[in-house]
Amino acid sequence: IYQETLKYHPTISKATVYRNLNLLVQQGEILKVEVPDGADHFD
């Protein structure tokens, strides 16, 4: 998601992406798919 967002906003930081992903999950806009021993995915 960070790599895709960079195409449209070259100065965005990873921290901003992570923070906003968590906020979008909290707001019910997206789902977080937790993968044990792997990176979380978003839906």
PDB file of all heavy atoms in Angstrom:
ATOM      1  N   ILE A   1       0.843  -1.197   0.000  1.00  0.00           N
ATOM      2  CA  ILE A   1       0.000   0.000   0.000  1.00  0.00           C
ATOM      3  C   ILE A   1       0.878   1.247   0.000  1.00  0.00           C
ATOM      4  O   ILE A   1       0.605   2.208  -0.728  1.00  0.00           O
ATOM      5  CB  ILE A   1      -0.958  -0.017   1.206  1.00  0.00           C
ATOM      6  CG1 ILE A   1      -1.944  -1.186   1.061  1.00  0.00           C
ATOM      7  CG2 ILE A   1      -1.691   1.324   1.354  1.00  0.00           C
ATOM      8  CD1 ILE A   1      -2.662  -1.561   2.330  1.00  0.00           C
ATOM      9  N   TYR A   2       1.939   1.217   0.773  1.00  0.00           N
ATOM     10  CA  TYR A   2       2.891   2.330   0.803  1.00  0.00           C
ATOM     11  C   TYR A   2       3.488   2.562  -0.588  1.00  0.00           C
ATOM     12  O   TYR A   2       3.520   3.690  -1.090  1.00  0.00           O
ATOM     13  CB  TYR A   2       3.986   2.047   1.831  1.00  0.00           C
ATOM     14  CG  TYR A   2       5.152   2.998   1.779  1.00  0.00           C
ATOM     15  CD1 TYR A   2       5.004   4.340   2.116  1.00  0.00           C
ATOM     16  CD2 TYR A   2       6.406   2.555   1.373  1.00  0.00           C
ATOM     17  CE1 TYR A   2       6.076   5.222   2.056  1.00  0.00           C
ATOM     18  CE2 TYR A   2       7.482   3.421   1.314  1.00  0.00           C
ATOM     19  CZ  TYR A   2       7.310   4.752   1.652  1.00  0.00           C
ATOM     20  OH  TYR A   2       8.373   5.613   1.589  1.00  0.00           O
ATOM     21  N   GLN A   3       3.938   1.497  -1.247  1.00  0.00           N
ATOM     22  CA  GLN A   3       4.544   1.621  -2.576  1.00  0.00           C
ATOM     23  C   GLN A   3       3.541   2.171  -3.592  1.00  0.00           C
ATOM     24  O   GLN A   3       3.889   3.001  -4.438  1.00  0.00           O
ATOM     25  CB  GLN A   3       5.091   0.273  -3.047  1.00  0.00           C
ATOM     26  CG  GLN A   3       6.284  -0.228  -2.258  1.00  0.00           C
ATOM     27  CD  GLN A   3       7.468   0.717  -2.297  1.00  0.00           C
ATOM     28  OE1 GLN A   3       7.739   1.365  -3.301  1.00  0.00           O
ATOM     29  NE2 GLN A   3       8.176   0.819  -1.175  1.00  0.00           N
ATOM     30  N   GLU A   4       2.289   1.737  -3.506  1.00  0.00           N
ATOM     31  CA  GLU A   4       1.255   2.226  -4.417  1.00  0.00           C
ATOM     32  C   GLU A   4       0.957   3.704  -4.146  1.00  0.00           C
ATOM     33  O   GLU A   4       0.801   4.492  -5.074  1.00  0.00           O
ATOM     34  CB  GLU A   4      -0.024   1.383  -4.261  1.00  0.00           C
ATOM     35  CG  GLU A   4      -1.159   1.787  -5.165  1.00  0.00           C
ATOM     36  CD  GLU A   4      -0.919   1.513  -6.643  1.00  0.00           C
ATOM     37  OE1 GLU A   4       0.009   0.758  -7.000  1.00  0.00           O
ATOM     38  OE2 GLU A   4      -1.683   2.062  -7.460  1.00  0.00           O
ATOM     39  N   THR A   5       0.886   4.077  -2.892  1.00  0.00           N
ATOM     40  CA  THR A   5       0.572   5.461  -2.516  1.00  0.00           C
ATOM     41  C   THR A   5       1.697   6.408  -2.926  1.00  0.00           C
ATOM     42  O   THR A   5       1.443   7.556  -3.294  1.00  0.00           O
ATOM     43  CB  THR A   5       0.294   5.554  -1.001  1.00  0.00           C
ATOM     44  OG1 THR A   5      -0.728   4.608  -0.650  1.00  0.00           O
ATOM     45  CG2 THR A   5      -0.182   6.936  -0.604  1.00  0.00           C
ATOM     46  N   LEU A   6       2.927   5.930  -2.893  1.00  0.00           N
ATOM     47  CA  LEU A   6       4.085   6.751  -3.304  1.00  0.00           C
ATOM     48  C   LEU A   6       3.947   7.255  -4.737  1.00  0.00           C
ATOM     49  O   LEU A   6       4.451   8.330  -5.071  1.00  0.00           O
ATOM     50  CB  LEU A   6       5.381   5.946  -3.194  1.00  0.00           C
ATOM     51  CG  LEU A   6       6.088   5.928  -1.856  1.00  0.00           C
ATOM     52  CD1 LEU A   6       7.312   5.018  -1.929  1.00  0.00           C
ATOM     53  CD2 LEU A   6       6.476   7.312  -1.397  1.00  0.00           C
ATOM     54  N   LYS A   7       3.276   6.490  -5.586  1.00  0.00           N
ATOM     55  CA  LYS A   7       3.105   6.893  -6.981  1.00  0.00           C
ATOM     56  C   LYS A   7       2.330   8.201  -7.100  1.00  0.00           C
ATOM     57  O   LYS A   7       2.520   8.953  -8.045  1.00  0.00           O
ATOM     58  CB  LYS A   7       2.359   5.803  -7.759  1.00  0.00           C
ATOM     59  CG  LYS A   7       3.108   4.502  -7.873  1.00  0.00           C
ATOM     60  CD  LYS A   7       2.243   3.455  -8.556  1.00  0.00           C
ATOM     61  CE  LYS A   7       2.904   2.103  -8.590  1.00  0.00           C
ATOM     62  NZ  LYS A   7       2.009   1.070  -9.177  1.00  0.00           N
ATOM     63  N   TYR A   8       1.437   8.448  -6.137  1.00  0.00           N
ATOM     64  CA  TYR A   8       0.565   9.623  -6.191  1.00  0.00           C
ATOM     65  C   TYR A   8       0.942  10.692  -5.173  1.00  0.00           C
ATOM     66  O   TYR A   8       0.501  11.829  -5.278  1.00  0.00           O
ATOM     67  CB  TYR A   8      -0.896   9.198  -5.972  1.00  0.00           C
ATOM     68  CG  TYR A   8      -1.315   8.140  -6.953  1.00  0.00           C
ATOM     69  CD1 TYR A   8      -1.302   6.795  -6.604  1.00  0.00           C
ATOM     70  CD2 TYR A   8      -1.675   8.483  -8.255  1.00  0.00           C
ATOM     71  CE1 TYR A   8      -1.660   5.812  -7.520  1.00  0.00           C
ATOM     72  CE2 TYR A   8      -2.032   7.512  -9.174  1.00  0.00           C
ATOM     73  CZ  TYR A   8      -2.012   6.182  -8.796  1.00  0.00           C
ATOM     74  OH  TYR A   8      -2.361   5.221  -9.709  1.00  0.00           O
ATOM     75  N   HIS A   9       1.738  10.301  -4.191  1.00  0.00           N
ATOM     76  CA  HIS A   9       2.156  11.229  -3.133  1.00  0.00           C
ATOM     77  C   HIS A   9       3.594  10.875  -2.750  1.00  0.00           C
ATOM     78  O   HIS A   9       3.840  10.179  -1.760  1.00  0.00           O
ATOM     79  CB  HIS A   9       1.215  11.078  -1.928  1.00  0.00           C
ATOM     80  CG  HIS A   9       1.295  12.190  -0.947  1.00  0.00           C
ATOM     81  ND1 HIS A   9       2.447  12.517  -0.268  1.00  0.00           N
ATOM     82  CD2 HIS A   9       0.337  13.049  -0.526  1.00  0.00           C
ATOM     83  CE1 HIS A   9       2.196  13.521   0.545  1.00  0.00           C
ATOM     84  NE2 HIS A   9       0.927  13.867   0.409  1.00  0.00           N
ATOM     85  N   PRO A  10       4.574  11.328  -3.538  1.00  0.00           N
ATOM     86  CA  PRO A  10       5.974  10.896  -3.375  1.00  0.00           C
ATOM     87  C   PRO A  10       6.613  11.247  -2.029  1.00  0.00           C
ATOM     88  O   PRO A  10       7.651  10.685  -1.690  1.00  0.00           O
ATOM     89  CB  PRO A  10       6.716  11.608  -4.508  1.00  0.00           C
ATOM     90  CG  PRO A  10       5.679  12.132  -5.422  1.00  0.00           C
ATOM     91  CD  PRO A  10       4.390  12.203  -4.680  1.00  0.00           C
ATOM     92  N   THR A  11       6.002  12.131  -1.256  1.00  0.00           N
ATOM     93  CA  THR A  11       6.604  12.513   0.021  1.00  0.00           C
ATOM     94  C   THR A  11       5.946  11.837   1.225  1.00  0.00           C
ATOM     95  O   THR A  11       6.334  12.104   2.358  1.00  0.00           O
ATOM     96  CB  THR A  11       6.531  14.046   0.216  1.00  0.00           C
ATOM     97  OG1 THR A  11       5.157  14.447   0.208  1.00  0.00           O
ATOM     98  CG2 THR A  11       7.311  14.764  -0.880  1.00  0.00           C
ATOM     99  N   ILE A  12       4.995  10.953   0.986  1.00  0.00           N
ATOM    100  CA  ILE A  12       4.314  10.298   2.106  1.00  0.00           C
ATOM    101  C   ILE A  12       5.282   9.356   2.820  1.00  0.00           C
ATOM    102  O   ILE A  12       6.118   8.712   2.193  1.00  0.00           O
ATOM    103  CB  ILE A  12       3.049   9.548   1.623  1.00  0.00           C
ATOM    104  CG1 ILE A  12       2.134   9.241   2.816  1.00  0.00           C
ATOM    105  CG2 ILE A  12       3.406   8.295   0.839  1.00  0.00           C
ATOM    106  CD1 ILE A  12       0.730   8.842   2.416  1.00  0.00           C
ATOM    107  N   SER A  13       5.180   9.295   4.126  1.00  0.00           N
ATOM    108  CA  SER A  13       6.068   8.426   4.905  1.00  0.00           C
ATOM    109  C   SER A  13       5.374   7.103   5.226  1.00  0.00           C
ATOM    110  O   SER A  13       4.148   7.008   5.220  1.00  0.00           O
ATOM    111  CB  SER A  13       6.466   9.113   6.209  1.00  0.00           C
ATOM    112  OG  SER A  13       5.351   9.190   7.085  1.00  0.00           O
ATOM    113  N   LYS A  14       6.193   6.102   5.534  1.00  0.00           N
ATOM    114  CA  LYS A  14       5.642   4.808   5.936  1.00  0.00           C
ATOM    115  C   LYS A  14       4.818   4.962   7.212  1.00  0.00           C
ATOM    116  O   LYS A  14       3.769   4.337   7.357  1.00  0.00           O
ATOM    117  CB  LYS A  14       6.759   3.788   6.175  1.00  0.00           C
ATOM    118  CG  LYS A  14       7.256   3.129   4.939  1.00  0.00           C
ATOM    119  CD  LYS A  14       8.203   2.001   5.287  1.00  0.00           C
ATOM    120  CE  LYS A  14       8.743   1.380   4.016  1.00  0.00           C
ATOM    121  NZ  LYS A  14       9.595   0.231   4.267  1.00  0.00           N
ATOM    122  N   ALA A  15       5.296   5.792   8.123  1.00  0.00           N
ATOM    123  CA  ALA A  15       4.578   6.004   9.383  1.00  0.00           C
ATOM    124  C   ALA A  15       3.175   6.550   9.125  1.00  0.00           C
ATOM    125  O   ALA A  15       2.213   6.144   9.778  1.00  0.00           O
ATOM    126  CB  ALA A  15       5.359   6.960  10.285  1.00  0.00           C
ATOM    127  N   THR A  16       3.048   7.454   8.163  1.00  0.00           N
ATOM    128  CA  THR A  16       1.736   8.009   7.814  1.00  0.00           C
ATOM    129  C   THR A  16       0.830   6.921   7.255  1.00  0.00           C
ATOM    130  O   THR A  16      -0.356   6.838   7.596  1.00  0.00           O
ATOM    131  CB  THR A  16       1.890   9.161   6.804  1.00  0.00           C
ATOM    132  OG1 THR A  16       2.643  10.202   7.413  1.00  0.00           O
ATOM    133  CG2 THR A  16       0.548   9.697   6.353  1.00  0.00           C
ATOM    134  N   VAL A  17       1.378   6.054   6.418  1.00  0.00           N
ATOM    135  CA  VAL A  17       0.593   4.965   5.844  1.00  0.00           C
ATOM    136  C   VAL A  17       0.130   4.024   6.950  1.00  0.00           C
ATOM    137  O   VAL A  17      -1.057   3.690   7.045  1.00  0.00           O
ATOM    138  CB  VAL A  17       1.388   4.209   4.753  1.00  0.00           C
ATOM    139  CG1 VAL A  17       0.665   2.941   4.319  1.00  0.00           C
ATOM    140  CG2 VAL A  17       1.644   5.124   3.561  1.00  0.00           C
ATOM    141  N   TYR A  18       1.026   3.592   7.820  1.00  0.00           N
ATOM    142  CA  TYR A  18       0.672   2.676   8.905  1.00  0.00           C
ATOM    143  C   TYR A  18      -0.366   3.306   9.836  1.00  0.00           C
ATOM    144  O   TYR A  18      -1.343   2.651  10.214  1.00  0.00           O
ATOM    145  CB  TYR A  18       1.912   2.271   9.700  1.00  0.00           C
ATOM    146  CG  TYR A  18       2.719   1.176   9.044  1.00  0.00           C
ATOM    147  CD1 TYR A  18       3.563   1.453   7.971  1.00  0.00           C
ATOM    148  CD2 TYR A  18       2.645  -0.131   9.491  1.00  0.00           C
ATOM    149  CE1 TYR A  18       4.305   0.452   7.367  1.00  0.00           C
ATOM    150  CE2 TYR A  18       3.382  -1.143   8.897  1.00  0.00           C
ATOM    151  CZ  TYR A  18       4.215  -0.847   7.835  1.00  0.00           C
ATOM    152  OH  TYR A  18       4.940  -1.837   7.241  1.00  0.00           O
ATOM    153  N   ARG A  19      -0.166   4.542  10.202  1.00  0.00           N
ATOM    154  CA  ARG A  19      -1.091   5.237  11.103  1.00  0.00           C
ATOM    155  C   ARG A  19      -2.483   5.329  10.480  1.00  0.00           C
ATOM    156  O   ARG A  19      -3.489   5.060  11.130  1.00  0.00           O
ATOM    157  CB  ARG A  19      -0.548   6.625  11.446  1.00  0.00           C
ATOM    158  CG  ARG A  19      -1.382   7.404  12.427  1.00  0.00           C
ATOM    159  CD  ARG A  19      -0.725   8.714  12.855  1.00  0.00           C
ATOM    160  NE  ARG A  19      -0.366   9.568  11.722  1.00  0.00           N
ATOM    161  CZ  ARG A  19       0.879   9.789  11.290  1.00  0.00           C
ATOM    162  NH1 ARG A  19       1.896   9.220  11.889  1.00  0.00           N
ATOM    163  NH2 ARG A  19       1.108  10.570  10.260  1.00  0.00           N
ATOM    164  N   ASN A  20      -2.541   5.680   9.207  1.00  0.00           N
ATOM    165  CA  ASN A  20      -3.827   5.812   8.528  1.00  0.00           C
ATOM    166  C   ASN A  20      -4.486   4.465   8.269  1.00  0.00           C
ATOM    167  O   ASN A  20      -5.714   4.362   8.311  1.00  0.00           O
ATOM    168  CB  ASN A  20      -3.677   6.628   7.243  1.00  0.00           C
ATOM    169  CG  ASN A  20      -3.649   8.100   7.535  1.00  0.00           C
ATOM    170  OD1 ASN A  20      -4.674   8.704   7.805  1.00  0.00           O
ATOM    171  ND2 ASN A  20      -2.460   8.698   7.522  1.00  0.00           N
ATOM    172  N   LEU A  21      -3.713   3.433   8.004  1.00  0.00           N
ATOM    173  CA  LEU A  21      -4.296   2.103   7.861  1.00  0.00           C
ATOM    174  C   LEU A  21      -4.981   1.688   9.164  1.00  0.00           C
ATOM    175  O   LEU A  21      -6.112   1.189   9.153  1.00  0.00           O
ATOM    176  CB  LEU A  21      -3.230   1.071   7.471  1.00  0.00           C
ATOM    177  CG  LEU A  21      -2.785   1.083   6.019  1.00  0.00           C
ATOM    178  CD1 LEU A  21      -1.564   0.200   5.825  1.00  0.00           C
ATOM    179  CD2 LEU A  21      -3.916   0.665   5.087  1.00  0.00           C
ATOM    180  N   ASN A  22      -4.306   1.913  10.275  1.00  0.00           N
ATOM    181  CA  ASN A  22      -4.901   1.569  11.568  1.00  0.00           C
ATOM    182  C   ASN A  22      -6.158   2.385  11.828  1.00  0.00           C
ATOM    183  O   ASN A  22      -7.147   1.867  12.354  1.00  0.00           O
ATOM    184  CB  ASN A  22      -3.883   1.752  12.698  1.00  0.00           C
ATOM    185  CG  ASN A  22      -2.834   0.657  12.685  1.00  0.00           C
ATOM    186  OD1 ASN A  22      -3.127  -0.486  12.366  1.00  0.00           O
ATOM    187  ND2 ASN A  22      -1.608   1.001  13.016  1.00  0.00           N
ATOM    188  N   LEU A  23      -6.148   3.655  11.462  1.00  0.00           N
ATOM    189  CA  LEU A  23      -7.324   4.502  11.632  1.00  0.00           C
ATOM    190  C   LEU A  23      -8.473   4.025  10.742  1.00  0.00           C
ATOM    191  O   LEU A  23      -9.627   3.954  11.188  1.00  0.00           O
ATOM    192  CB  LEU A  23      -6.979   5.962  11.333  1.00  0.00           C
ATOM    193  CG  LEU A  23      -8.090   6.980  11.581  1.00  0.00           C
ATOM    194  CD1 LEU A  23      -8.527   6.961  13.043  1.00  0.00           C
ATOM    195  CD2 LEU A  23      -7.610   8.367  11.205  1.00  0.00           C
ATOM    196  N   LEU A  24      -8.180   3.660   9.502  1.00  0.00           N
ATOM    197  CA  LEU A  24      -9.207   3.155   8.595  1.00  0.00           C
ATOM    198  C   LEU A  24      -9.814   1.852   9.119  1.00  0.00           C
ATOM    199  O   LEU A  24     -11.015   1.617   8.970  1.00  0.00           O
ATOM    200  CB  LEU A  24      -8.635   2.961   7.189  1.00  0.00           C
ATOM    201  CG  LEU A  24      -8.347   4.250   6.422  1.00  0.00           C
ATOM    202  CD1 LEU A  24      -7.458   3.971   5.206  1.00  0.00           C
ATOM    203  CD2 LEU A  24      -9.640   4.937   6.006  1.00  0.00           C
ATOM    204  N   VAL A  25      -8.990   1.009   9.744  1.00  0.00           N
ATOM    205  CA  VAL A  25      -9.496  -0.221  10.362  1.00  0.00           C
ATOM    206  C   VAL A  25     -10.422   0.145  11.525  1.00  0.00           C
ATOM    207  O   VAL A  25     -11.537  -0.378  11.632  1.00  0.00           O
ATOM    208  CB  VAL A  25      -8.338  -1.129  10.833  1.00  0.00           C
ATOM    209  CG1 VAL A  25      -8.858  -2.272  11.707  1.00  0.00           C
ATOM    210  CG2 VAL A  25      -7.566  -1.687   9.646  1.00  0.00           C
ATOM    211  N   GLN A  26      -9.979   1.057  12.389  1.00  0.00           N
ATOM    212  CA  GLN A  26     -10.795   1.481  13.535  1.00  0.00           C
ATOM    213  C   GLN A  26     -12.122   2.088  13.095  1.00  0.00           C
ATOM    214  O   GLN A  26     -13.150   1.891  13.742  1.00  0.00           O
ATOM    215  CB  GLN A  26     -10.042   2.493  14.387  1.00  0.00           C
ATOM    216  CG  GLN A  26      -8.895   1.928  15.164  1.00  0.00           C
ATOM    217  CD  GLN A  26      -8.081   3.020  15.856  1.00  0.00           C
ATOM    218  OE1 GLN A  26      -8.348   4.205  15.724  1.00  0.00           O
ATOM    219  NE2 GLN A  26      -7.072   2.597  16.608  1.00  0.00           N
ATOM    220  N   GLN A  27     -12.118   2.809  11.995  1.00  0.00           N
ATOM    221  CA  GLN A  27     -13.327   3.458  11.487  1.00  0.00           C
ATOM    222  C   GLN A  27     -14.229   2.502  10.710  1.00  0.00           C
ATOM    223  O   GLN A  27     -15.307   2.880  10.273  1.00  0.00           O
ATOM    224  CB  GLN A  27     -12.959   4.641  10.589  1.00  0.00           C
ATOM    225  CG  GLN A  27     -12.323   5.784  11.331  1.00  0.00           C
ATOM    226  CD  GLN A  27     -11.858   6.903  10.407  1.00  0.00           C
ATOM    227  OE1 GLN A  27     -11.639   6.704   9.210  1.00  0.00           O
ATOM    228  NE2 GLN A  27     -11.684   8.080  10.969  1.00  0.00           N
ATOM    229  N   GLY A  28     -13.765   1.269  10.501  1.00  0.00           N
ATOM    230  CA  GLY A  28     -14.568   0.283   9.788  1.00  0.00           C
ATOM    231  C   GLY A  28     -14.562   0.454   8.281  1.00  0.00           C
ATOM    232  O   GLY A  28     -15.429  -0.085   7.592  1.00  0.00           O
ATOM    233  N   GLU A  29     -13.584   1.177   7.751  1.00  0.00           N
ATOM    234  CA  GLU A  29     -13.489   1.388   6.300  1.00  0.00           C
ATOM    235  C   GLU A  29     -12.829   0.206   5.591  1.00  0.00           C
ATOM    236  O   GLU A  29     -13.099  -0.057   4.426  1.00  0.00           O
ATOM    237  CB  GLU A  29     -12.680   2.654   6.004  1.00  0.00           C
ATOM    238  CG  GLU A  29     -13.301   3.920   6.522  1.00  0.00           C
ATOM    239  CD  GLU A  29     -14.418   4.424   5.632  1.00  0.00           C
ATOM    240  OE1 GLU A  29     -14.403   4.126   4.430  1.00  0.00           O
ATOM    241  OE2 GLU A  29     -15.304   5.103   6.156  1.00  0.00           O
ATOM    242  N   ILE A  30     -11.919  -0.478   6.298  1.00  0.00           N
ATOM    243  CA  ILE A  30     -11.207  -1.636   5.762  1.00  0.00           C
ATOM    244  C   ILE A  30     -11.056  -2.666   6.870  1.00  0.00           C
ATOM    245  O   ILE A  30     -11.255  -2.354   8.050  1.00  0.00           O
ATOM    246  CB  ILE A  30      -9.807  -1.269   5.184  1.00  0.00           C
ATOM    247  CG1 ILE A  30      -8.911  -0.660   6.267  1.00  0.00           C
ATOM    248  CG2 ILE A  30      -9.934  -0.352   3.975  1.00  0.00           C
ATOM    249  CD1 ILE A  30      -7.484  -0.396   5.824  1.00  0.00           C
ATOM    250  N   LEU A  31     -10.675  -3.873   6.500  1.00  0.00           N
ATOM    251  CA  LEU A  31     -10.403  -4.934   7.472  1.00  0.00           C
ATOM    252  C   LEU A  31      -8.907  -5.211   7.516  1.00  0.00           C
ATOM    253  O   LEU A  31      -8.226  -5.114   6.494  1.00  0.00           O
ATOM    254  CB  LEU A  31     -11.115  -6.226   7.074  1.00  0.00           C
ATOM    255  CG  LEU A  31     -12.631  -6.214   7.028  1.00  0.00           C
ATOM    256  CD1 LEU A  31     -13.140  -7.559   6.514  1.00  0.00           C
ATOM    257  CD2 LEU A  31     -13.198  -5.909   8.391  1.00  0.00           C
ATOM    258  N   LYS A  32      -8.427  -5.587   8.689  1.00  0.00           N
ATOM    259  CA  LYS A  32      -7.055  -6.055   8.825  1.00  0.00           C
ATOM    260  C   LYS A  32      -7.093  -7.572   8.919  1.00  0.00           C
ATOM    261  O   LYS A  32      -7.843  -8.132   9.712  1.00  0.00           O
ATOM    262  CB  LYS A  32      -6.403  -5.498  10.088  1.00  0.00           C
ATOM    263  CG  LYS A  32      -4.941  -5.926  10.234  1.00  0.00           C
ATOM    264  CD  LYS A  32      -4.350  -5.625  11.598  1.00  0.00           C
ATOM    265  CE  LYS A  32      -4.177  -4.168  11.839  1.00  0.00           C
ATOM    266  NZ  LYS A  32      -3.413  -3.905  13.094  1.00  0.00           N
ATOM    267  N   VAL A  33      -6.297  -8.232   8.082  1.00  0.00           N
ATOM    268  CA  VAL A  33      -6.175  -9.686   8.103  1.00  0.00           C
ATOM    269  C   VAL A  33      -4.828  -9.985   8.741  1.00  0.00           C
ATOM    270  O   VAL A  33      -3.783  -9.766   8.129  1.00  0.00           O
ATOM    271  CB  VAL A  33      -6.255 -10.295   6.679  1.00  0.00           C
ATOM    272  CG1 VAL A  33      -6.137 -11.806   6.736  1.00  0.00           C
ATOM    273  CG2 VAL A  33      -7.540  -9.861   5.988  1.00  0.00           C
ATOM    274  N   GLU A  34      -4.883 -10.449   9.979  1.00  0.00           N
ATOM    275  CA  GLU A  34      -3.641 -10.733  10.702  1.00  0.00           C
ATOM    276  C   GLU A  34      -3.127 -12.108  10.308  1.00  0.00           C
ATOM    277  O   GLU A  34      -3.866 -13.089  10.357  1.00  0.00           O
ATOM    278  CB  GLU A  34      -3.890 -10.642  12.199  1.00  0.00           C
ATOM    279  CG  GLU A  34      -4.273  -9.241  12.636  1.00  0.00           C
ATOM    280  CD  GLU A  34      -4.532  -9.106  14.114  1.00  0.00           C
ATOM    281  OE1 GLU A  34      -4.223 -10.048  14.872  1.00  0.00           O
ATOM    282  OE2 GLU A  34      -5.054  -8.053  14.515  1.00  0.00           O
ATOM    283  N   VAL A  35      -1.868 -12.144   9.910  1.00  0.00           N
ATOM    284  CA  VAL A  35      -1.232 -13.380   9.485  1.00  0.00           C
ATOM    285  C   VAL A  35      -0.144 -13.711  10.505  1.00  0.00           C
ATOM    286  O   VAL A  35       0.840 -12.984  10.608  1.00  0.00           O
ATOM    287  CB  VAL A  35      -0.605 -13.241   8.076  1.00  0.00           C
ATOM    288  CG1 VAL A  35       0.117 -14.517   7.680  1.00  0.00           C
ATOM    289  CG2 VAL A  35      -1.670 -12.877   7.056  1.00  0.00           C
ATOM    290  N   PRO A  36      -0.329 -14.795  11.276  1.00  0.00           N
ATOM    291  CA  PRO A  36       0.714 -15.162  12.235  1.00  0.00           C
ATOM    292  C   PRO A  36       2.046 -15.373  11.524  1.00  0.00           C
ATOM    293  O   PRO A  36       2.095 -15.975  10.462  1.00  0.00           O
ATOM    294  CB  PRO A  36       0.204 -16.472  12.837  1.00  0.00           C
ATOM    295  CG  PRO A  36      -1.268 -16.455  12.578  1.00  0.00           C
ATOM    296  CD  PRO A  36      -1.457 -15.713  11.289  1.00  0.00           C
ATOM    297  N   ASP A  37       3.091 -14.850  12.094  1.00  0.00           N
ATOM    298  CA  ASP A  37       4.445 -14.970  11.531  1.00  0.00           C
ATOM    299  C   ASP A  37       4.581 -14.328  10.160  1.00  0.00           C
ATOM    300  O   ASP A  37       5.445 -14.714   9.375  1.00  0.00           O
ATOM    301  CB  ASP A  37       4.891 -16.439  11.445  1.00  0.00           C
ATOM    302  CG  ASP A  37       4.822 -17.146  12.790  1.00  0.00           C
ATOM    303  OD1 ASP A  37       5.145 -16.491  13.803  1.00  0.00           O
ATOM    304  OD2 ASP A  37       4.437 -18.319  12.836  1.00  0.00           O
ATOM    305  N   GLY A  38       3.717 -13.385   9.830  1.00  0.00           N
ATOM    306  CA  GLY A  38       3.794 -12.699   8.546  1.00  0.00           C
ATOM    307  C   GLY A  38       3.247 -11.286   8.672  1.00  0.00           C
ATOM    308  O   GLY A  38       2.756 -10.878   9.716  1.00  0.00           O
ATOM    309  N   ALA A  39       3.329 -10.550   7.590  1.00  0.00           N
ATOM    310  CA  ALA A  39       2.830  -9.179   7.574  1.00  0.00           C
ATOM    311  C   ALA A  39       1.306  -9.175   7.539  1.00  0.00           C
ATOM    312  O   ALA A  39       0.688 -10.041   6.920  1.00  0.00           O
ATOM    313  CB  ALA A  39       3.375  -8.449   6.341  1.00  0.00           C
ATOM    314  N   ASP A  40       0.712  -8.214   8.224  1.00  0.00           N
ATOM    315  CA  ASP A  40      -0.731  -8.035   8.145  1.00  0.00           C
ATOM    316  C   ASP A  40      -1.111  -7.635   6.725  1.00  0.00           C
ATOM    317  O   ASP A  40      -0.361  -6.952   6.031  1.00  0.00           O
ATOM    318  CB  ASP A  40      -1.197  -6.938   9.107  1.00  0.00           C
ATOM    319  CG  ASP A  40      -1.043  -7.330  10.570  1.00  0.00           C
ATOM    320  OD1 ASP A  40      -0.996  -8.536  10.874  1.00  0.00           O
ATOM    321  OD2 ASP A  40      -0.971  -6.418  11.409  1.00  0.00           O
ATOM    322  N   HIS A  41      -2.281  -8.058   6.305  1.00  0.00           N
ATOM    323  CA  HIS A  41      -2.838  -7.697   5.005  1.00  0.00           C
ATOM    324  C   HIS A  41      -4.103  -6.893   5.249  1.00  0.00           C
ATOM    325  O   HIS A  41      -4.686  -6.954   6.331  1.00  0.00           O
ATOM    326  CB  HIS A  41      -3.154  -8.955   4.187  1.00  0.00           C
ATOM    327  CG  HIS A  41      -1.939  -9.709   3.756  1.00  0.00           C
ATOM    328  ND1 HIS A  41      -1.531  -9.765   2.444  1.00  0.00           N
ATOM    329  CD2 HIS A  41      -1.029 -10.421   4.453  1.00  0.00           C
ATOM    330  CE1 HIS A  41      -0.429 -10.490   2.363  1.00  0.00           C
ATOM    331  NE2 HIS A  41      -0.107 -10.904   3.568  1.00  0.00           N
ATOM    332  N   PHE A  42      -4.550  -6.158   4.243  1.00  0.00           N
ATOM    333  CA  PHE A  42      -5.724  -5.310   4.397  1.00  0.00           C
ATOM    334  C   PHE A  42      -6.728  -5.627   3.304  1.00  0.00           C
ATOM    335  O   PHE A  42      -6.361  -5.965   2.178  1.00  0.00           O
ATOM    336  CB  PHE A  42      -5.313  -3.838   4.389  1.00  0.00           C
ATOM    337  CG  PHE A  42      -4.446  -3.514   5.570  1.00  0.00           C
ATOM    338  CD1 PHE A  42      -3.071  -3.670   5.496  1.00  0.00           C
ATOM    339  CD2 PHE A  42      -4.998  -3.104   6.763  1.00  0.00           C
ATOM    340  CE1 PHE A  42      -2.263  -3.417   6.591  1.00  0.00           C
ATOM    341  CE2 PHE A  42      -4.198  -2.849   7.871  1.00  0.00           C
ATOM    342  CZ  PHE A  42      -2.826  -3.007   7.778  1.00  0.00           C
ATOM    343  N   ASP A  43      -8.005  -5.508   3.650  1.00  0.00           N
ATOM    344  CA  ASP A  43      -9.078  -5.942   2.771  1.00  0.00           C
ATOM    345  C   ASP A  43     -10.143  -4.852   2.707  1.00  0.00           C
ATOM    346  O   ASP A  43     -10.576  -4.341   3.735  1.00  0.00           O
ATOM    347  CB  ASP A  43      -9.679  -7.230   3.339  1.00  0.00           C
ATOM    348  CG  ASP A  43     -10.597  -7.959   2.382  1.00  0.00           C
ATOM    349  OD1 ASP A  43     -10.948  -7.396   1.334  1.00  0.00           O
ATOM    350  OD2 ASP A  43     -10.968  -9.101   2.695  1.00  0.00           O
TER     351      ASP A  43
END
